[in-house]
C-alpha atoms as a PDB file:
ATOM      1  CA  MET A   1      20.459  37.186  92.105  1.00  0.00           C
ATOM      2  CA  ALA A   2      19.129  40.727  92.028  1.00  0.00           C
ATOM      3  CA  GLU A   3      18.250  42.689  95.165  1.00  0.00           C
ATOM      4  CA  SER A   4      14.492  42.452  94.553  1.00  0.00           C
ATOM      5  CA  GLU A   5      14.578  38.678  93.951  1.00  0.00           C
ATOM      6  CA  ARG A   6      16.549  37.763  97.082  1.00  0.00           C
ATOM      7  CA  PRO A   7      14.347  36.507  99.970  1.00  0.00           C
ATOM      8  CA  GLN A   8      14.241  38.901 102.903  1.00  0.00           C
ATOM      9  CA  THR A   9      14.521  37.965 106.541  1.00  0.00           C
ATOM     10  CA  PHE A  10      12.901  40.043 109.226  1.00  0.00           C
ATOM     11  CA  HIS A  11      14.000  40.368 112.846  1.00  0.00           C
ATOM     12  CA  GLY A  12      10.755  41.374 114.493  1.00  0.00           C
ATOM     13  CA  LEU A  13       7.726  43.386 113.626  1.00  0.00           C
ATOM     14  CA  ALA A  14       9.586  46.699 113.414  1.00  0.00           C
ATOM     15  CA  SER A  15      11.811  45.543 110.559  1.00  0.00           C
ATOM     16  CA  LEU A  16       8.774  44.163 108.727  1.00  0.00           C
ATOM     17  CA  ARG A  17       6.994  47.525 108.995  1.00  0.00           C
ATOM     18  CA  GLN A  18      10.128  49.322 107.793  1.00  0.00           C
ATOM     19  CA  ALA A  19      10.399  47.042 104.742  1.00  0.00           C
ATOM     20  CA  LEU A  20       6.721  47.568 103.891  1.00  0.00           C
ATOM     21  CA  GLN A  21       7.097  51.347 104.118  1.00  0.00           C
ATOM     22  CA  GLN A  22      10.089  51.263 101.776  1.00  0.00           C
ATOM     23  CA  ARG A  23       8.150  49.188  99.228  1.00  0.00           C
ATOM     24  CA  GLU A  24       5.131  51.494  99.216  1.00  0.00           C
ATOM     25  CA  THR A  25       5.704  54.359  96.849  1.00  0.00           C
ATOM     26  CA  PRO A  26       2.806  56.782  96.612  1.00  0.00           C
ATOM     27  CA  ALA A  27       2.223  57.236  92.903  1.00  0.00           C
ATOM     28  CA  ALA A  28      -0.103  59.959  91.688  1.00  0.00           C
ATOM     29  CA  PRO A  29      -2.806  58.548  89.450  1.00  0.00           C
ATOM     30  CA  SER A  30      -2.038  59.453  85.863  1.00  0.00           C
ATOM     31  CA  THR A  31      -5.637  58.894  84.788  1.00  0.00           C
ATOM     32  CA  PRO A  32      -8.703  60.371  86.449  1.00  0.00           C
ATOM     33  CA  MET A  33     -10.532  58.222  88.998  1.00  0.00           C
ATOM     34  CA  ALA A  34     -12.702  55.543  87.440  1.00  0.00           C
ATOM     35  CA  PRO A  35     -16.438  55.999  88.035  1.00  0.00           C
ATOM     36  CA  LEU A  36     -18.019  53.915  90.771  1.00  0.00           C
ATOM     37  CA  PRO A  37     -19.684  50.660  89.768  1.00  0.00           C
ATOM     38  CA  GLU A  38     -23.398  51.072  89.128  1.00  0.00           C
ATOM     39  CA  GLU A  39     -24.285  49.224  92.363  1.00  0.00           C
ATOM     40  CA  LEU A  40     -22.243  51.686  94.477  1.00  0.00           C
ATOM     41  CA  ALA A  41     -23.282  54.905  92.751  1.00  0.00           C
ATOM     42  CA  PRO A  42     -26.405  56.706  93.999  1.00  0.00           C
ATOM     43  CA  GLN A  43     -29.356  56.367  91.625  1.00  0.00           C
ATOM     44  CA  ARG A  44     -31.354  59.607  91.553  1.00  0.00           C
ATOM     45  CA  ASP A  45     -33.548  61.222  88.911  1.00  0.00           C
ATOM     46  CA  ALA A  46     -33.406  64.848  87.716  1.00  0.00           C
ATOM     47  CA  LEU A  47     -35.499  65.962  90.715  1.00  0.00           C
ATOM     48  CA  GLY A  48     -33.127  64.318  93.242  1.00  0.00           C
ATOM     49  CA  ARG A  49     -35.492  61.432  94.021  1.00  0.00           C
ATOM     50  CA  SER A  50     -34.781  57.726  94.295  1.00  0.00           C
ATOM     51  CA  TYR A  51     -37.388  55.162  93.265  1.00  0.00           C
ATOM     52  CA  ALA A  52     -37.941  51.572  94.349  1.00  0.00           C
ATOM     53  CA  THR A  53     -40.649  48.924  94.339  1.00  0.00           C
ATOM     54  CA  GLY A  54     -41.579  47.033  97.499  1.00  0.00           C
ATOM     55  CA  LYS A  55     -43.660  43.878  97.731  1.00  0.00           C
ATOM     56  CA  ARG A  56     -45.380  41.904 100.495  1.00  0.00           C
ATOM     57  CA  LYS A  57     -48.090  39.218 100.105  1.00  0.00           C
ATOM     58  CA  ASN A  58     -50.249  40.551  97.224  1.00  0.00           C
ATOM     59  CA  ALA A  59     -49.406  44.226  97.816  1.00  0.00           C
ATOM     60  CA  VAL A  60     -47.078  46.222  95.571  1.00  0.00           C
ATOM     61  CA  ALA A  61     -45.771  49.651  96.589  1.00  0.00           C
ATOM     62  CA  ARG A  62     -44.066  52.148  94.308  1.00  0.00           C
ATOM     63  CA  VAL A  63     -41.937  54.428  96.525  1.00  0.00           C
ATOM     64  CA  TRP A  64     -40.100  57.689  95.834  1.00  0.00           C
ATOM     65  CA  ILE A  65     -37.884  59.369  98.445  1.00  0.00           C
ATOM     66  CA  LYS A  66     -36.202  62.760  98.430  1.00  0.00           C
ATOM     67  CA  PRO A  67     -34.627  64.978 101.110  1.00  0.00           C
ATOM     68  CA  GLY A  68     -37.286  66.786 103.083  1.00  0.00           C
ATOM     69  CA  THR A  69     -39.072  67.137 106.398  1.00  0.00           C
ATOM     70  CA  GLY A  70     -40.111  63.529 107.053  1.00  0.00           C
ATOM     71  CA  ARG A  71     -43.567  63.598 105.489  1.00  0.00           C
ATOM     72  CA  ILE A  72     -44.928  60.238 104.289  1.00  0.00           C
ATOM     73  CA  ASP A  73     -47.781  60.237 101.746  1.00  0.00           C
ATOM     74  CA  VAL A  74     -49.523  56.975 100.832  1.00  0.00           C
ATOM     75  CA  ASN A  75     -51.940  57.048  97.873  1.00  0.00           C
ATOM     76  CA  GLY A  76     -52.299  60.824  98.215  1.00  0.00           C
ATOM     77  CA  ARG A  77     -53.104  60.676 101.949  1.00  0.00           C
ATOM     78  CA  ASP A  78     -50.931  61.279 104.995  1.00  0.00           C
ATOM     79  CA  SER A  79     -49.586  58.051 106.546  1.00  0.00           C
ATOM     80  CA  PRO A  80     -51.453  58.415 109.903  1.00  0.00           C
ATOM     81  CA  VAL A  81     -54.702  58.731 107.949  1.00  0.00           C
ATOM     82  CA  TYR A  82     -54.042  55.809 105.582  1.00  0.00           C
ATOM     83  CA  PHE A  83     -52.455  53.499 108.192  1.00  0.00           C
ATOM     84  CA  ALA A  84     -54.569  54.213 111.269  1.00  0.00           C
ATOM     85  CA  ARG A  85     -53.045  51.474 113.448  1.00  0.00           C
ATOM     86  CA  PRO A  86     -49.860  52.568 115.270  1.00  0.00           C
ATOM     87  CA  VAL A  87     -48.209  49.201 114.552  1.00  0.00           C
ATOM     88  CA  LEU A  88     -48.469  49.785 110.800  1.00  0.00           C
ATOM     89  CA  ARG A  89     -46.996  53.298 111.105  1.00  0.00           C
ATOM     90  CA  MET A  90     -44.144  51.892 113.213  1.00  0.00           C
ATOM     91  CA  LEU A  91     -43.536  49.252 110.530  1.00  0.00           C
ATOM     92  CA  ILE A  92     -43.182  51.938 107.853  1.00  0.00           C
ATOM     93  CA  ASN A  93     -40.750  54.011 109.926  1.00  0.00           C
ATOM     94  CA  GLN A  94     -38.444  51.092 110.813  1.00  0.00           C
ATOM     95  CA  PRO A  95     -35.934  51.508 107.928  1.00  0.00           C
ATOM     96  CA  LEU A  96     -35.688  55.260 108.508  1.00  0.00           C
ATOM     97  CA  ALA A  97     -35.244  54.797 112.265  1.00  0.00           C
ATOM     98  CA  ALA A  98     -32.627  52.056 111.822  1.00  0.00           C
ATOM     99  CA  THR A  99     -30.501  54.329 109.612  1.00  0.00           C
ATOM    100  CA  ASN A 100     -31.053  57.482 111.730  1.00  0.00           C
ATOM    101  CA  ARG A 101     -32.782  59.200 108.796  1.00  0.00           C
ATOM    102  CA  LEU A 102     -36.125  59.812 110.543  1.00  0.00           C
ATOM    103  CA  GLY A 103     -37.384  63.257 109.543  1.00  0.00           C
ATOM    104  CA  GLN A 104     -34.773  63.715 106.805  1.00  0.00           C
ATOM    105  CA  PHE A 105     -36.648  62.271 103.817  1.00  0.00           C
ATOM    106  CA  ASP A 106     -40.047  62.880 102.279  1.00  0.00           C
ATOM    107  CA  VAL A 107     -41.654  59.640 101.102  1.00  0.00           C
ATOM    108  CA  TRP A 108     -44.334  59.504  98.408  1.00  0.00           C
ATOM    109  CA  CYS A 109     -45.789  56.133  97.484  1.00  0.00           C
ATOM    110  CA  THR A 110     -48.677  54.401  95.760  1.00  0.00           C
ATOM    111  CA  VAL A 111     -49.819  50.985  96.987  1.00  0.00           C
ATOM    112  CA  LYS A 112     -52.116  48.472  95.299  1.00  0.00           C
ATOM    113  CA  GLY A 113     -53.378  45.041  96.251  1.00  0.00           C
ATOM    114  CA  GLY A 114     -53.554  43.093  99.489  1.00  0.00           C
ATOM    115  CA  GLY A 115     -54.749  44.331 102.863  1.00  0.00           C
ATOM    116  CA  LEU A 116     -53.402  47.053 105.120  1.00  0.00           C
ATOM    117  CA  SER A 117     -50.813  44.823 106.806  1.00  0.00           C
ATOM    118  CA  GLY A 118     -49.421  43.635 103.481  1.00  0.00           C
ATOM    119  CA  GLN A 119     -49.427  47.179 102.136  1.00  0.00           C
ATOM    120  CA  ALA A 120     -47.480  48.441 105.159  1.00  0.00           C
ATOM    121  CA  GLY A 121     -44.917  45.676 104.627  1.00  0.00           C
ATOM    122  CA  ALA A 122     -44.658  46.579 100.952  1.00  0.00           C
ATOM    123  CA  VAL A 123     -44.091  50.261 101.785  1.00  0.00           C
ATOM    124  CA  ARG A 124     -41.389  49.296 104.319  1.00  0.00           C
ATOM    125  CA  HIS A 125     -39.667  47.123 101.705  1.00  0.00           C
ATOM    126  CA  GLY A 126     -39.902  49.929  99.124  1.00  0.00           C
ATOM    127  CA  ILE A 127     -38.522  52.570 101.514  1.00  0.00           C
ATOM    128  CA  SER A 128     -35.595  50.298 102.360  1.00  0.00           C
ATOM    129  CA  ARG A 129     -34.760  49.699  98.718  1.00  0.00           C
ATOM    130  CA  ALA A 130     -35.137  53.399  97.852  1.00  0.00           C
ATOM    131  CA  LEU A 131     -32.793  54.339 100.720  1.00  0.00           C
ATOM    132  CA  THR A 132     -30.121  51.994  99.369  1.00  0.00           C
ATOM    133  CA  ARG A 133     -30.479  53.580  95.941  1.00  0.00           C
ATOM    134  CA  TYR A 134     -30.225  57.071  97.429  1.00  0.00           C
ATOM    135  CA  GLU A 135     -27.325  56.202  99.799  1.00  0.00           C
ATOM    136  CA  PRO A 136     -25.624  52.908  98.816  1.00  0.00           C
ATOM    137  CA  GLY A 137     -23.592  52.978 102.046  1.00  0.00           C
ATOM    138  CA  LEU A 138     -26.744  52.145 104.021  1.00  0.00           C
ATOM    139  CA  ARG A 139     -27.156  48.758 102.332  1.00  0.00           C
ATOM    140  CA  PRO A 140     -25.158  46.647 104.861  1.00  0.00           C
ATOM    141  CA  LEU A 141     -27.125  48.064 107.802  1.00  0.00           C
ATOM    142  CA  LEU A 142     -30.512  47.552 106.141  1.00  0.00           C
ATOM    143  CA  LYS A 143     -29.525  44.096 104.877  1.00  0.00           C
ATOM    144  CA  SER A 144     -28.367  42.934 108.319  1.00  0.00           C
ATOM    145  CA  GLN A 145     -31.710  43.923 109.847  1.00  0.00           C
ATOM    146  CA  GLY A 146     -33.666  42.112 107.110  1.00  0.00           C
ATOM    147  CA  PHE A 147     -35.380  45.134 105.538  1.00  0.00           C
ATOM    148  CA  LEU A 148     -34.165  44.368 102.002  1.00  0.00           C
ATOM    149  CA  THR A 149     -35.443  40.789 101.970  1.00  0.00           C
ATOM    150  CA  ARG A 150     -38.860  40.336 100.404  1.00  0.00           C
ATOM    151  CA  ASP A 151     -41.026  38.414 102.858  1.00  0.00           C
ATOM    152  CA  ALA A 152     -42.100  35.457 100.724  1.00  0.00           C
ATOM    153  CA  ARG A 153     -44.860  34.215 103.040  1.00  0.00           C
ATOM    154  CA  VAL A 154     -48.216  34.187 101.259  1.00  0.00           C
ATOM    155  CA  VAL A 155     -51.606  32.656 102.018  1.00  0.00           C
ATOM    156  CA  GLU A 156     -51.726  28.938 101.336  1.00  0.00           C
ATOM    157  CA  ARG A 157     -54.281  27.872  98.725  1.00  0.00           C
ATOM    158  CA  LYS A 158     -57.435  25.956  99.604  1.00  0.00           C
ATOM    159  CA  LYS A 159     -57.351  22.240  98.706  1.00  0.00           C
ATOM    160  CA  TYR A 160     -60.328  20.236  97.473  1.00  0.00           C
ATOM    161  CA  GLY A 161     -61.979  18.062 100.126  1.00  0.00           C
ATOM    162  CA  LYS A 162     -60.981  20.542 102.851  1.00  0.00           C
ATOM    163  CA  HIS A 163     -62.850  23.459 104.378  1.00  0.00           C
ATOM    164  CA  LYS A 164     -59.776  25.724 104.196  1.00  0.00           C
ATOM    165  CA  ALA A 165     -56.168  25.081 103.239  1.00  0.00           C
ATOM    166  CA  ARG A 166     -55.707  22.402 105.919  1.00  0.00           C
ATOM    167  CA  ARG A 167     -58.961  22.253 107.918  1.00  0.00           C
ATOM    168  CA  ARG A 168     -60.550  18.840 107.435  1.00  0.00           C
ATOM    169  CA  PRO A 169     -64.265  18.098 107.583  1.00  0.00           C
ATOM    170  CA  GLN A 170     -65.465  17.105 111.046  1.00  0.00           C
ATOM    171  CA  TYR A 171     -65.208  13.381 111.715  1.00  0.00           C
ATOM    172  CA  SER A 172     -68.489  11.660 112.558  1.00  0.00           C
ATOM    173  CA  LYS A 173     -68.349   8.226 114.180  1.00  0.00           C
ATOM    174  CA  ARG A 174     -72.082   7.555 113.698  1.00  0.00           C
END
């Protein structure tokens, strides 16, 4: 039996470490490093921007981010003007705050459909997805906090014989 085929016995952790160190031989790569898979490589256009689409209820947001001063434009207007309620502005800033990127990226987006609450959710979803395309290392953090999941809750449809989706006509005994 050759030396490499014979089973080894170890007398403690120190001998195991020593055997592992002897086996490891640092070999210089003969070929250049393979490119990163497409999911792990940053996706940026010629202007250094990353693009993503966010959705919530009936609202769809197209979002571009690039390094900047932290300005957020929604449909050509500043975010405090477009989203007047502080809760909606907080919703938009959540992905940037969670990744400690507040004030580091300029966000430009167009939103269509739905109401203001749905549009704010769509912008948040779009910013989260654009951040993962700009910096793929942020994906686990954003995913764990639920920013990359599209909120599938939508308004339930009205059924015939009912006043609303579930509201029945008032019962009359007489």
